[in-house]
Amino acid sequence: MGDEVDWGLHVGRRKPVLRNHYCLFCEVSECTHNVLKFTIFAFNIFFWMLSMTIVAVGIWAQAWKTELRVPGDYSLLTSPPIFLIVVGVLVFFIAMFGCLGALRENIILLKIYAITLAVLLVLQILLGIVAIAFSNQATDIITSFVDSAIKEYNRDIDLQNAIDAIQSKLQCCGGLSYNDWDKNTYFKANEGTGVSLQTADGVPWSCCKMDRDDPNYVVNNQCGYGVRSEEGSIFTKIYSAGCIEVAYVFIKNNFAIIITVIFIFLIPQFIAVILSFLFVRQVEDEIEVNDEWVREVEKRKRYEKENDEVV
């Protein structure tokens, strides 16, 4: 008769196997299935908790701004709390699809999760390629964004802190040059209007050259007031290089490190995409095998019924 195909014990496996080979296949298949399932589940539980933390921080920061009546806008790019909330909610739903899809082996949730991860990964790679291929256009976009941020400097405390941190850390001033601060209402030159502000012809304190290694160093918030009108001593008091130029030089000098960091950031996403599609394929195969088993059982029942009627 040869080896008998074991259908009854093979529910949920990839394909019908011979009885004398079943146990080894069963152990390997079940182990692979569980490793994929709980790896995806654990991976997404971590990001689920991380997303809730990000959302909580964003809500707290926005509530703090509202309570103190801190001026600011609610745009995605210039308001860190809003940005954190949006990113946290996005990660929350993606991780939720991954957790529930893996735990319940729900093919629809798993496909949504896998396709979403793949799309986000491709978009990140394309964004990097476009930024490199169209560097001039990218510079124009960044310059336009920086100009808008400079104009809103005094209206949003989060944006103000971000700009001050960048200028102070990179030791730069403005976007392309320190004269970009003429686009800000508070630091704009008088130009014979008769309206004289203390901050006119000035720059923020973060543009000032300071001895930050001095333990007794104290920030002078008015150090940049009127400094752009002092042509003779301007370069000794503030940083003259624009932040876009300084950032470009920094990226050029540390290109290998930046590429390494980008790969470290993308590799886990790539692995998650691969594991997700492997698990989706495995679940689809198991559904197909189960359907095949059901059809075989129904076929046997019909055969047995026909034999009983003949007898």
Protein backbone atom coordinates (compact mmCIF):
# COMPACT_ATOMS: atom_id res chain seq x y z
CA MET A 1 0.00 0.00 0.00
CA GLY A 2 2.97 2.33 0.60
CA ASP A 3 3.10 5.18 3.09
CA GLU A 4 -0.30 6.56 4.12
CA VAL A 5 -0.94 10.27 3.98
CA ASP A 6 -1.94 11.52 7.42
CA TRP A 7 -4.74 14.10 7.06
CA GLY A 8 -6.34 14.00 10.48
CA LEU A 9 -3.25 14.95 12.51
CA HIS A 10 -2.13 17.60 10.07
CA VAL A 11 -4.59 20.40 10.78
CA GLY A 12 -2.85 23.79 10.56
CA ARG A 13 0.34 22.50 8.91
CA ARG A 14 1.72 23.66 5.58
CA LYS A 15 0.93 20.58 3.50
CA PRO A 16 0.01 16.90 3.83
CA VAL A 17 3.03 14.81 4.82
CA LEU A 18 3.73 11.15 5.08
CA ARG A 19 3.09 9.64 8.51
CA ASN A 20 6.64 8.38 8.95
CA HIS A 21 7.98 11.94 8.34
CA TYR A 22 5.28 13.81 10.23
CA CYS A 23 6.77 14.26 13.71
CA LEU A 24 10.00 15.89 12.53
CA PHE A 25 8.16 18.23 10.17
CA CYS A 26 5.61 19.02 12.87
CA GLU A 27 8.27 20.08 15.37
CA VAL A 28 10.18 22.23 12.87
CA SER A 29 7.05 23.86 11.44
CA GLU A 30 5.52 24.55 14.85
CA CYS A 31 8.80 26.00 16.15
CA THR A 32 9.19 28.30 13.13
CA HIS A 33 5.58 29.39 13.40
CA ASN A 34 5.86 30.25 17.10
CA VAL A 35 9.20 32.06 16.68
CA LEU A 36 7.75 34.28 13.95
CA LYS A 37 4.53 34.85 15.86
CA PHE A 38 6.02 35.85 19.19
CA THR A 39 8.93 37.79 17.67
CA ILE A 40 6.47 40.02 15.82
CA PHE A 41 4.25 40.23 18.90
CA ALA A 42 7.12 41.20 21.25
CA PHE A 43 8.55 43.66 18.72
CA ASN A 44 5.23 45.46 18.46
CA ILE A 45 4.46 45.38 22.17
CA PHE A 46 7.65 47.38 22.70
CA PHE A 47 6.67 49.97 20.08
CA TRP A 48 3.10 50.00 21.38
CA MET A 49 4.35 51.02 24.82
CA LEU A 50 6.81 53.48 23.26
CA SER A 51 4.03 55.09 21.22
CA MET A 52 1.85 55.58 24.30
CA THR A 53 4.79 57.22 26.07
CA ILE A 54 5.36 59.56 23.09
CA VAL A 55 1.67 60.52 22.99
CA ALA A 56 1.62 61.10 26.75
CA VAL A 57 4.67 63.39 26.56
CA GLY A 58 3.14 65.31 23.64
CA ILE A 59 -0.18 65.77 25.44
CA TRP A 60 1.58 66.87 28.62
CA ALA A 61 3.73 69.40 26.74
CA GLN A 62 0.73 70.82 24.86
CA ALA A 63 -1.32 71.00 28.08
CA TRP A 64 1.58 72.78 29.80
CA LYS A 65 1.71 75.36 26.99
CA THR A 66 -2.05 75.87 27.16
CA GLU A 67 -2.07 76.21 30.96
CA LEU A 68 0.71 78.79 30.92
CA ARG A 69 -0.90 80.51 27.91
CA VAL A 70 2.35 80.24 26.01
CA PRO A 71 1.98 81.69 22.50
CA GLY A 72 2.36 79.24 19.67
CA ASP A 73 0.75 77.62 16.67
CA TYR A 74 -0.64 74.14 16.13
CA SER A 75 1.14 73.21 12.90
CA LEU A 76 2.77 69.82 12.59
CA LEU A 77 6.28 70.95 11.62
CA THR A 78 6.73 73.88 14.00
CA SER A 79 5.01 72.54 17.12
CA PRO A 80 6.95 69.67 18.78
CA PRO A 81 4.03 68.59 21.03
CA ILE A 82 1.69 68.24 18.03
CA PHE A 83 4.41 66.43 16.10
CA LEU A 84 4.95 63.99 19.00
CA ILE A 85 1.23 63.31 19.30
CA VAL A 86 0.82 62.64 15.56
CA VAL A 87 3.88 60.36 15.41
CA GLY A 88 2.83 58.55 18.60
CA VAL A 89 -0.70 57.89 17.31
CA LEU A 90 0.66 56.63 13.96
CA VAL A 91 3.10 54.23 15.67
CA PHE A 92 0.34 53.16 18.09
CA PHE A 93 -2.02 51.99 15.32
CA ILE A 94 0.75 50.31 13.31
CA ALA A 95 1.94 48.43 16.40
CA MET A 96 -1.66 47.55 17.31
CA PHE A 97 -2.20 45.94 13.91
CA GLY A 98 1.05 44.00 14.36
CA CYS A 99 0.23 42.84 17.92
CA LEU A 100 -3.36 41.79 17.28
CA GLY A 101 -2.57 40.34 13.86
CA ALA A 102 0.24 38.17 15.24
CA LEU A 103 -1.61 37.13 18.39
CA ARG A 104 -4.88 36.25 16.64
CA GLU A 105 -3.19 35.22 13.38
CA ASN A 106 -5.64 37.53 11.61
CA ILE A 107 -4.62 37.66 7.96
CA ILE A 108 -6.27 41.07 7.30
CA LEU A 109 -4.52 42.83 10.21
CA LEU A 110 -1.22 41.16 9.34
CA LYS A 111 -1.44 42.31 5.72
CA ILE A 112 -2.30 45.88 6.78
CA TYR A 113 0.67 45.84 9.16
CA ALA A 114 3.13 44.35 6.66
CA ILE A 115 2.07 46.60 3.76
CA THR A 116 2.13 49.73 5.96
CA LEU A 117 5.65 48.93 7.18
CA ALA A 118 6.81 48.25 3.62
CA VAL A 119 5.33 51.51 2.31
CA LEU A 120 6.89 53.56 5.13
CA LEU A 121 10.27 51.91 4.55
CA VAL A 122 10.15 52.60 0.80
CA LEU A 123 9.08 56.22 1.41
CA GLN A 124 12.03 56.77 3.75
CA ILE A 125 14.47 55.34 1.20
CA LEU A 126 12.93 57.37 -1.63
CA LEU A 127 13.07 60.52 0.49
CA GLY A 128 16.78 60.00 1.04
CA ILE A 129 17.41 59.34 -2.66
CA VAL A 130 15.40 62.40 -3.72
CA ALA A 131 17.21 64.59 -1.17
CA ILE A 132 20.58 63.48 -2.59
CA ALA A 133 19.57 63.58 -6.26
CA PHE A 134 17.87 66.98 -5.99
CA SER A 135 20.11 68.58 -3.39
CA ASN A 136 19.67 72.10 -4.82
CA GLN A 137 15.89 71.90 -4.68
CA ALA A 138 16.12 70.35 -1.22
CA THR A 139 18.29 73.27 -0.10
CA ASP A 140 15.68 75.71 -1.41
CA ILE A 141 12.93 73.91 0.53
CA ILE A 142 15.02 73.91 3.71
CA THR A 143 15.87 77.58 3.25
CA SER A 144 12.18 78.43 2.83
CA PHE A 145 11.33 76.46 5.98
CA VAL A 146 14.10 78.17 7.97
CA ASP A 147 12.90 81.60 6.80
CA SER A 148 9.39 80.76 8.00
CA ALA A 149 10.78 79.56 11.33
CA ILE A 150 12.75 82.80 11.75
CA LYS A 151 9.61 84.86 11.15
CA GLU A 152 7.73 82.84 13.81
CA TYR A 153 10.64 82.85 16.30
CA ASN A 154 8.97 85.12 18.87
CA ARG A 155 5.50 83.57 18.53
CA ASP A 156 6.18 79.98 19.57
CA ILE A 157 8.27 79.09 22.61
CA ASP A 158 8.97 75.54 21.32
CA LEU A 159 10.21 76.81 17.98
CA GLN A 160 12.24 79.49 19.75
CA ASN A 161 13.97 76.93 21.99
CA ALA A 162 14.66 74.67 19.00
CA ILE A 163 16.27 77.50 16.99
CA ASP A 164 18.34 78.65 19.96
CA ALA A 165 19.53 75.09 20.60
CA ILE A 166 20.57 74.63 16.95
CA GLN A 167 22.36 77.99 16.67
CA SER A 168 24.11 77.55 19.99
CA LYS A 169 25.17 73.95 19.31
CA LEU A 170 26.28 74.43 15.69
CA GLN A 171 27.70 77.92 16.42
CA CYS A 172 25.84 79.52 13.54
CA CYS A 173 23.35 82.33 12.99
CA GLY A 174 20.34 82.45 10.67
CA GLY A 175 19.71 80.22 7.68
CA LEU A 176 22.17 81.36 5.03
CA SER A 177 23.64 84.25 7.06
CA TYR A 178 23.05 86.32 10.17
CA ASN A 179 21.23 88.89 8.02
CA ASP A 180 18.32 86.43 7.71
CA TRP A 181 17.17 87.76 11.08
CA ASP A 182 16.15 90.94 9.29
CA LYS A 183 13.09 88.92 8.22
CA ASN A 184 11.92 88.80 11.83
CA THR A 185 9.75 91.73 12.96
CA TYR A 186 11.55 92.13 16.29
CA PHE A 187 15.08 92.03 14.86
CA LYS A 188 14.36 93.94 11.64
CA ALA A 189 16.42 97.05 10.89
CA ASN A 190 14.76 100.41 11.54
CA GLU A 191 15.21 101.65 7.94
CA GLY A 192 14.22 105.18 8.88
CA THR A 193 10.70 104.28 9.98
CA GLY A 194 11.08 106.23 13.19
CA VAL A 195 10.02 103.19 15.20
CA SER A 196 12.97 102.12 17.34
CA LEU A 197 12.97 98.77 19.09
CA GLN A 198 15.69 97.67 21.47
CA THR A 199 16.05 94.47 19.46
CA ALA A 200 16.27 96.24 16.06
CA ASP A 201 19.27 95.32 13.89
CA GLY A 202 19.87 92.44 16.26
CA VAL A 203 19.96 88.66 16.51
CA PRO A 204 18.93 86.17 19.22
CA TRP A 205 21.30 85.50 22.12
CA SER A 206 22.12 82.06 20.68
CA CYS A 207 24.05 83.76 17.86
CA CYS A 208 26.50 85.35 20.32
CA LYS A 209 30.01 84.02 20.80
CA MET A 210 30.33 83.00 24.45
CA ASP A 211 32.83 81.19 26.63
CA ARG A 212 30.69 78.19 27.48
CA ASP A 213 33.63 76.40 29.14
CA ASP A 214 33.70 79.03 31.85
CA PRO A 215 31.94 77.60 34.97
CA ASN A 216 30.84 81.12 35.88
CA TYR A 217 29.35 81.70 32.44
CA VAL A 218 25.96 83.43 32.49
CA VAL A 219 23.74 83.77 29.39
CA ASN A 220 23.21 87.37 28.34
CA ASN A 221 19.84 87.40 26.58
CA GLN A 222 20.49 90.91 25.24
CA CYS A 223 23.94 90.29 23.78
CA GLY A 224 22.61 90.31 20.21
CA TYR A 225 20.55 93.50 20.40
CA GLY A 226 21.59 96.00 17.71
CA VAL A 227 24.72 94.02 16.89
CA ARG A 228 24.14 94.00 13.10
CA SER A 229 24.49 97.79 13.05
CA GLU A 230 28.02 97.50 14.46
CA GLU A 231 29.85 96.70 11.24
CA GLY A 232 33.31 96.91 12.77
CA SER A 233 32.84 94.44 15.62
CA ILE A 234 30.04 92.21 14.36
CA PHE A 235 32.28 89.22 13.55
CA THR A 236 33.84 89.28 17.01
CA LYS A 237 30.48 89.22 18.79
CA ILE A 238 28.32 86.76 16.84
CA TYR A 239 28.69 83.73 14.60
CA SER A 240 28.64 84.87 10.98
CA ALA A 241 28.11 81.52 9.23
CA GLY A 242 24.56 80.43 8.38
CA CYS A 243 23.21 77.26 9.94
CA ILE A 244 22.41 75.64 6.58
CA GLU A 245 26.04 75.98 5.49
CA VAL A 246 27.34 74.71 8.83
CA ALA A 247 24.93 71.76 8.73
CA TYR A 248 26.05 70.92 5.18
CA VAL A 249 29.72 70.93 6.24
CA PHE A 250 28.88 68.80 9.28
CA ILE A 251 27.05 66.23 7.13
CA LYS A 252 29.91 66.17 4.62
CA ASN A 253 32.55 65.65 7.32
CA ASN A 254 30.54 62.95 9.11
CA PHE A 255 28.90 61.32 6.11
CA ALA A 256 30.09 57.78 6.94
CA ILE A 257 28.78 58.01 10.51
CA ILE A 258 25.44 59.42 9.36
CA ILE A 259 25.01 56.66 6.74
CA THR A 260 25.80 54.07 9.44
CA VAL A 261 23.20 55.55 11.77
CA ILE A 262 20.62 55.58 8.95
CA PHE A 263 21.29 51.91 8.20
CA ILE A 264 21.01 51.04 11.89
CA PHE A 265 17.65 52.81 11.90
CA LEU A 266 16.41 51.14 8.68
CA ILE A 267 17.65 47.57 9.27
CA PRO A 268 15.16 46.75 12.09
CA GLN A 269 12.35 48.06 9.88
CA PHE A 270 13.56 45.91 6.99
CA ILE A 271 13.73 42.83 9.24
CA ALA A 272 10.22 43.58 10.55
CA VAL A 273 8.90 43.80 6.98
CA ILE A 274 10.52 40.46 6.03
CA LEU A 275 9.25 38.69 9.15
CA SER A 276 5.77 40.11 8.64
CA PHE A 277 5.48 38.89 5.06
CA LEU A 278 6.93 35.48 6.02
CA PHE A 279 4.33 35.14 8.76
CA VAL A 280 1.54 36.29 6.42
CA ARG A 281 2.65 33.64 3.91
CA GLN A 282 2.76 30.97 6.60
CA VAL A 283 -0.72 31.82 7.89
CA GLU A 284 -2.07 31.83 4.31
CA ASP A 285 -0.52 28.38 3.73
CA GLU A 286 -2.09 27.07 6.92
CA ILE A 287 -5.50 28.42 5.89
CA GLU A 288 -5.10 26.73 2.52
CA VAL A 289 -4.11 23.43 4.15
CA ASN A 290 -7.04 23.61 6.55
CA ASP A 291 -9.42 24.19 3.65
CA GLU A 292 -7.85 21.26 1.83
CA TRP A 293 -8.25 19.07 4.91
CA VAL A 294 -11.91 20.06 5.25
CA ARG A 295 -12.53 19.18 1.61
CA GLU A 296 -10.85 15.79 2.11
CA VAL A 297 -12.92 15.07 5.22
CA GLU A 298 -16.12 15.97 3.36
CA LYS A 299 -15.03 13.76 0.49
CA ARG A 300 -14.44 10.84 2.85
CA LYS A 301 -17.82 11.36 4.50
CA ARG A 302 -19.55 11.30 1.13
CA TYR A 303 -17.63 8.16 0.18
CA GLU A 304 -18.53 6.41 3.45
CA LYS A 305 -22.19 7.45 3.05
CA GLU A 306 -22.32 6.06 -0.47
CA ASN A 307 -20.79 2.77 0.71
CA ASP A 308 -23.35 2.51 3.52
CA GLU A 309 -26.19 3.05 1.04
CA VAL A 310 -24.81 0.34 -1.25
CA VAL A 311 -24.52 -2.12 1.64
